[in-house]
Amino acid sequence: MSLFPQDISEWWLVSDWLDGKLREFEQPVLEMEYGTWWGRTTTGQAIKMDYVIRKIVEATDYAKYGG
């Protein structure tokens, strides 16, 4: 867990798989009765441009082999 508070710009509903990956990168995640939500700390750009999303993709076979 980060020692510094993060400003949440957007909330996104995420799958269990993405939840696990986001937690590996110590991203803010909220579990509630309506699902698991990622607290995105950036806004104004495509999600694929977020640092954490790029790192998650780089760590998958999809990034290595295209699917």
C-alpha atoms as a PDB file:
ATOM      1  CA  MET A   1       0.000   0.000   0.000  1.00  0.00           C
ATOM      2  CA  SER A   2       1.259   3.447  -0.904  1.00  0.00           C
ATOM      3  CA  LEU A   3       2.222   5.824   1.887  1.00  0.00           C
ATOM      4  CA  PHE A   4       1.001   8.787  -0.119  1.00  0.00           C
ATOM      5  CA  PRO A   5      -2.663   9.542  -0.795  1.00  0.00           C
ATOM      6  CA  GLN A   6      -3.707   9.461  -4.424  1.00  0.00           C
ATOM      7  CA  ASP A   7      -6.238  11.757  -6.036  1.00  0.00           C
ATOM      8  CA  ILE A   8      -8.865   9.666  -7.801  1.00  0.00           C
ATOM      9  CA  SER A   9     -10.033  11.238 -11.071  1.00  0.00           C
ATOM     10  CA  GLU A  10     -12.345   8.454 -12.305  1.00  0.00           C
ATOM     11  CA  TRP A  11     -13.808   5.164 -11.100  1.00  0.00           C
ATOM     12  CA  TRP A  12     -13.887   2.147 -13.454  1.00  0.00           C
ATOM     13  CA  LEU A  13     -15.582  -1.210 -12.882  1.00  0.00           C
ATOM     14  CA  VAL A  14     -12.955  -3.939 -13.427  1.00  0.00           C
ATOM     15  CA  SER A  15     -12.823  -7.717 -13.813  1.00  0.00           C
ATOM     16  CA  ASP A  16     -11.333  -9.985 -11.159  1.00  0.00           C
ATOM     17  CA  TRP A  17      -8.291 -10.535 -13.387  1.00  0.00           C
ATOM     18  CA  LEU A  18      -7.618  -6.815 -13.843  1.00  0.00           C
ATOM     19  CA  ASP A  19      -8.272  -6.235 -10.145  1.00  0.00           C
ATOM     20  CA  GLY A  20      -5.455  -8.645  -9.323  1.00  0.00           C
ATOM     21  CA  LYS A  21      -3.068  -6.988 -11.756  1.00  0.00           C
ATOM     22  CA  LEU A  22      -3.906  -3.491 -10.499  1.00  0.00           C
ATOM     23  CA  ARG A  23      -3.233  -4.599  -6.928  1.00  0.00           C
ATOM     24  CA  GLU A  24       0.210  -5.884  -7.986  1.00  0.00           C
ATOM     25  CA  PHE A  25       0.986  -2.280  -8.964  1.00  0.00           C
ATOM     26  CA  GLU A  26      -0.542  -0.909  -5.729  1.00  0.00           C
ATOM     27  CA  GLN A  27      -3.337   0.880  -7.548  1.00  0.00           C
ATOM     28  CA  PRO A  28      -6.363   2.132  -5.601  1.00  0.00           C
ATOM     29  CA  VAL A  29      -9.111  -0.498  -5.758  1.00  0.00           C
ATOM     30  CA  LEU A  30     -12.474  -0.489  -3.984  1.00  0.00           C
ATOM     31  CA  GLU A  31     -14.508  -3.642  -3.407  1.00  0.00           C
ATOM     32  CA  MET A  32     -18.208  -3.202  -2.771  1.00  0.00           C
ATOM     33  CA  GLU A  33     -21.514  -4.958  -3.376  1.00  0.00           C
ATOM     34  CA  TYR A  34     -21.680  -3.448  -6.887  1.00  0.00           C
ATOM     35  CA  GLY A  35     -18.359  -4.913  -7.981  1.00  0.00           C
ATOM     36  CA  THR A  36     -14.691  -4.025  -7.849  1.00  0.00           C
ATOM     37  CA  TRP A  37     -13.704  -0.527  -8.917  1.00  0.00           C
ATOM     38  CA  TRP A  38     -10.335   0.883  -9.935  1.00  0.00           C
ATOM     39  CA  GLY A  39      -9.647   4.455  -8.844  1.00  0.00           C
ATOM     40  CA  ARG A  40      -7.970   5.866 -11.935  1.00  0.00           C
ATOM     41  CA  THR A  41      -5.546   8.633 -10.977  1.00  0.00           C
ATOM     42  CA  THR A  42      -5.316  10.161 -14.449  1.00  0.00           C
ATOM     43  CA  THR A  43      -7.911  11.597 -16.784  1.00  0.00           C
ATOM     44  CA  GLY A  44      -8.160  13.259 -20.170  1.00  0.00           C
ATOM     45  CA  GLN A  45      -6.351  10.548 -22.113  1.00  0.00           C
ATOM     46  CA  ALA A  46      -7.114   7.060 -23.361  1.00  0.00           C
ATOM     47  CA  ILE A  47      -6.758   4.372 -20.689  1.00  0.00           C
ATOM     48  CA  LYS A  48      -4.247   2.574 -22.904  1.00  0.00           C
ATOM     49  CA  MET A  49      -1.904   5.510 -22.290  1.00  0.00           C
ATOM     50  CA  ASP A  50      -1.920   5.091 -18.491  1.00  0.00           C
ATOM     51  CA  TYR A  51       1.440   3.956 -17.135  1.00  0.00           C
ATOM     52  CA  VAL A  52      -0.031   1.111 -15.081  1.00  0.00           C
ATOM     53  CA  ILE A  53      -2.100  -0.239 -17.976  1.00  0.00           C
ATOM     54  CA  ARG A  54       0.937  -0.191 -20.255  1.00  0.00           C
ATOM     55  CA  LYS A  55       2.959  -2.101 -17.635  1.00  0.00           C
ATOM     56  CA  ILE A  56       0.198  -4.696 -17.220  1.00  0.00           C
ATOM     57  CA  VAL A  57       0.009  -5.224 -20.991  1.00  0.00           C
ATOM     58  CA  GLU A  58       3.798  -5.522 -21.263  1.00  0.00           C
ATOM     59  CA  ALA A  59       3.706  -8.288 -18.643  1.00  0.00           C
ATOM     60  CA  THR A  60       1.154 -10.407 -20.545  1.00  0.00           C
ATOM     61  CA  ASP A  61       1.561 -12.906 -23.358  1.00  0.00           C
ATOM     62  CA  TYR A  62      -0.735 -10.706 -25.445  1.00  0.00           C
ATOM     63  CA  ALA A  63       1.946  -8.038 -25.599  1.00  0.00           C
ATOM     64  CA  LYS A  64       4.575 -10.626 -26.503  1.00  0.00           C
ATOM     65  CA  TYR A  65       2.635 -12.637 -29.066  1.00  0.00           C
ATOM     66  CA  GLY A  66      -0.396 -10.553 -30.044  1.00  0.00           C
ATOM     67  CA  GLY A  67      -2.985 -12.810 -28.424  1.00  0.00           C
END
